[in-house]
Amino acid sequence: MDTHLPAEPFASDVRAIVAKGGTRLDDLAVSIGVHPQWLRKIMRGEITELPLLTVAVICRRLRLMPEDIWEPGLVARAFRDFPPSAFDPD
């Protein structure tokens, strides 16, 4: 079982959010509960894979489903053993 998803689709979405203006990268990191340095490493390509638990937490905090960021078939295979409630909002 694959326990990671590629970081690039998430990095692309973060780039789009920041490019729209009004949101700094560090502020976005804090708003989704991650360390700004960690998010900068993703943006620089130093982190290339995200653990599934990290993906689940980030998606919950962004109020998105993983399929909103990653290819649905890839997500289905990666999360096949996760309970559906893993993505329920808090």
C-alpha atoms as a PDB file:
ATOM      1  CA  MET A   1       0.000   0.000   0.000  1.00  0.00           C
ATOM      2  CA  ASP A   2       1.312   3.444  -0.922  1.00  0.00           C
ATOM      3  CA  THR A   3       1.442   5.663   2.141  1.00  0.00           C
ATOM      4  CA  HIS A   4       2.253   8.949   0.395  1.00  0.00           C
ATOM      5  CA  LEU A   5       0.963  11.263  -2.310  1.00  0.00           C
ATOM      6  CA  PRO A   6       3.149  13.529  -4.454  1.00  0.00           C
ATOM      7  CA  ALA A   7       3.620  17.009  -2.999  1.00  0.00           C
ATOM      8  CA  GLU A   8       3.572  18.878  -6.327  1.00  0.00           C
ATOM      9  CA  PRO A   9      -0.210  19.095  -6.823  1.00  0.00           C
ATOM     10  CA  PHE A  10      -0.521  20.600  -3.348  1.00  0.00           C
ATOM     11  CA  ALA A  11       2.375  22.988  -4.066  1.00  0.00           C
ATOM     12  CA  SER A  12       0.650  24.091  -7.287  1.00  0.00           C
ATOM     13  CA  ASP A  13      -2.539  24.888  -5.413  1.00  0.00           C
ATOM     14  CA  VAL A  14      -0.593  26.819  -2.777  1.00  0.00           C
ATOM     15  CA  ARG A  15       1.150  28.799  -5.539  1.00  0.00           C
ATOM     16  CA  ALA A  16      -2.254  29.676  -7.014  1.00  0.00           C
ATOM     17  CA  ILE A  17      -3.589  30.841  -3.646  1.00  0.00           C
ATOM     18  CA  VAL A  18      -0.546  33.023  -3.006  1.00  0.00           C
ATOM     19  CA  ALA A  19      -0.536  34.363  -6.593  1.00  0.00           C
ATOM     20  CA  LYS A  20      -4.101  35.634  -6.197  1.00  0.00           C
ATOM     21  CA  GLY A  21      -2.729  37.985  -3.565  1.00  0.00           C
ATOM     22  CA  GLY A  22      -3.870  38.835  -0.104  1.00  0.00           C
ATOM     23  CA  THR A  23      -2.318  35.714   1.448  1.00  0.00           C
ATOM     24  CA  ARG A  24       1.314  35.336   2.413  1.00  0.00           C
ATOM     25  CA  LEU A  25       2.837  31.864   2.388  1.00  0.00           C
ATOM     26  CA  ASP A  26       3.656  31.995   6.118  1.00  0.00           C
ATOM     27  CA  ASP A  27       0.103  33.101   6.957  1.00  0.00           C
ATOM     28  CA  LEU A  28      -1.326  30.271   4.866  1.00  0.00           C
ATOM     29  CA  ALA A  29       0.937  27.776   6.646  1.00  0.00           C
ATOM     30  CA  VAL A  30      -0.254  28.937  10.047  1.00  0.00           C
ATOM     31  CA  SER A  31      -3.896  28.892   8.936  1.00  0.00           C
ATOM     32  CA  ILE A  32      -3.660  25.203   7.968  1.00  0.00           C
ATOM     33  CA  GLY A  33      -1.629  24.281  11.032  1.00  0.00           C
ATOM     34  CA  VAL A  34       1.748  23.559   9.455  1.00  0.00           C
ATOM     35  CA  HIS A  35       5.131  25.118  10.098  1.00  0.00           C
ATOM     36  CA  PRO A  36       5.991  27.822   7.541  1.00  0.00           C
ATOM     37  CA  GLN A  37       9.455  26.335   6.950  1.00  0.00           C
ATOM     38  CA  TRP A  38       7.878  22.972   6.094  1.00  0.00           C
ATOM     39  CA  LEU A  39       5.579  24.632   3.569  1.00  0.00           C
ATOM     40  CA  ARG A  40       8.531  26.533   2.060  1.00  0.00           C
ATOM     41  CA  LYS A  41      10.369  23.212   1.620  1.00  0.00           C
ATOM     42  CA  ILE A  42       7.386  21.856  -0.295  1.00  0.00           C
ATOM     43  CA  MET A  43       7.318  24.945  -2.470  1.00  0.00           C
ATOM     44  CA  ARG A  44      11.051  24.590  -3.249  1.00  0.00           C
ATOM     45  CA  GLY A  45      10.625  20.904  -4.111  1.00  0.00           C
ATOM     46  CA  GLU A  46      12.719  19.721  -1.167  1.00  0.00           C
ATOM     47  CA  ILE A  47       9.766  17.682   0.084  1.00  0.00           C
ATOM     48  CA  THR A  48       8.367  15.617  -2.769  1.00  0.00           C
ATOM     49  CA  GLU A  49       5.915  13.307  -0.985  1.00  0.00           C
ATOM     50  CA  LEU A  50       3.298  13.879   1.676  1.00  0.00           C
ATOM     51  CA  PRO A  51       2.254  11.148   4.109  1.00  0.00           C
ATOM     52  CA  LEU A  52      -1.421  10.258   3.837  1.00  0.00           C
ATOM     53  CA  LEU A  53      -2.127  11.380   7.389  1.00  0.00           C
ATOM     54  CA  THR A  54      -0.655  14.784   6.549  1.00  0.00           C
ATOM     55  CA  VAL A  55      -2.811  14.934   3.425  1.00  0.00           C
ATOM     56  CA  ALA A  56      -5.896  14.095   5.485  1.00  0.00           C
ATOM     57  CA  VAL A  57      -5.154  16.825   8.034  1.00  0.00           C
ATOM     58  CA  ILE A  58      -4.379  19.462   5.397  1.00  0.00           C
ATOM     59  CA  CYS A  59      -7.539  18.633   3.452  1.00  0.00           C
ATOM     60  CA  ARG A  60      -9.680  18.847   6.574  1.00  0.00           C
ATOM     61  CA  ARG A  61      -8.218  22.222   7.462  1.00  0.00           C
ATOM     62  CA  LEU A  62      -8.701  23.524   3.917  1.00  0.00           C
ATOM     63  CA  ARG A  63     -12.184  21.974   3.863  1.00  0.00           C
ATOM     64  CA  LEU A  64     -11.344  20.089   0.683  1.00  0.00           C
ATOM     65  CA  MET A  65     -11.339  16.483  -0.346  1.00  0.00           C
ATOM     66  CA  PRO A  66      -8.046  14.986  -1.569  1.00  0.00           C
ATOM     67  CA  GLU A  67      -9.662  14.599  -5.009  1.00  0.00           C
ATOM     68  CA  ASP A  68      -9.838  18.399  -5.180  1.00  0.00           C
ATOM     69  CA  ILE A  69      -6.026  18.451  -5.272  1.00  0.00           C
ATOM     70  CA  TRP A  70      -4.844  15.042  -6.536  1.00  0.00           C
ATOM     71  CA  GLU A  71      -6.057  12.784  -9.361  1.00  0.00           C
ATOM     72  CA  PRO A  72      -9.127  10.880  -8.092  1.00  0.00           C
ATOM     73  CA  GLY A  73      -7.862   7.413  -9.070  1.00  0.00           C
ATOM     74  CA  LEU A  74      -4.602   7.992  -7.247  1.00  0.00           C
ATOM     75  CA  VAL A  75      -6.492   9.178  -4.173  1.00  0.00           C
ATOM     76  CA  ALA A  76      -8.844   6.185  -4.275  1.00  0.00           C
ATOM     77  CA  ARG A  77      -5.938   3.746  -4.328  1.00  0.00           C
ATOM     78  CA  ALA A  78      -3.987   5.578  -1.637  1.00  0.00           C
ATOM     79  CA  PHE A  79      -6.897   5.970   0.776  1.00  0.00           C
ATOM     80  CA  ARG A  80      -8.696   2.678   0.145  1.00  0.00           C
ATOM     81  CA  ASP A  81      -8.090   1.504   3.728  1.00  0.00           C
ATOM     82  CA  PHE A  82      -8.982   4.814   5.410  1.00  0.00           C
ATOM     83  CA  PRO A  83     -12.404   5.272   7.000  1.00  0.00           C
ATOM     84  CA  PRO A  84     -14.633   7.754   5.151  1.00  0.00           C
ATOM     85  CA  SER A  85     -14.907   9.793   8.343  1.00  0.00           C
ATOM     86  CA  ALA A  86     -11.233  10.765   8.019  1.00  0.00           C
ATOM     87  CA  PHE A  87     -12.356  13.736   5.942  1.00  0.00           C
ATOM     88  CA  ASP A  88     -15.369  14.834   7.938  1.00  0.00           C
ATOM     89  CA  PRO A  89     -15.109  18.481   8.990  1.00  0.00           C
ATOM     90  CA  ASP A  90     -14.330  19.098  12.655  1.00  0.00           C
END
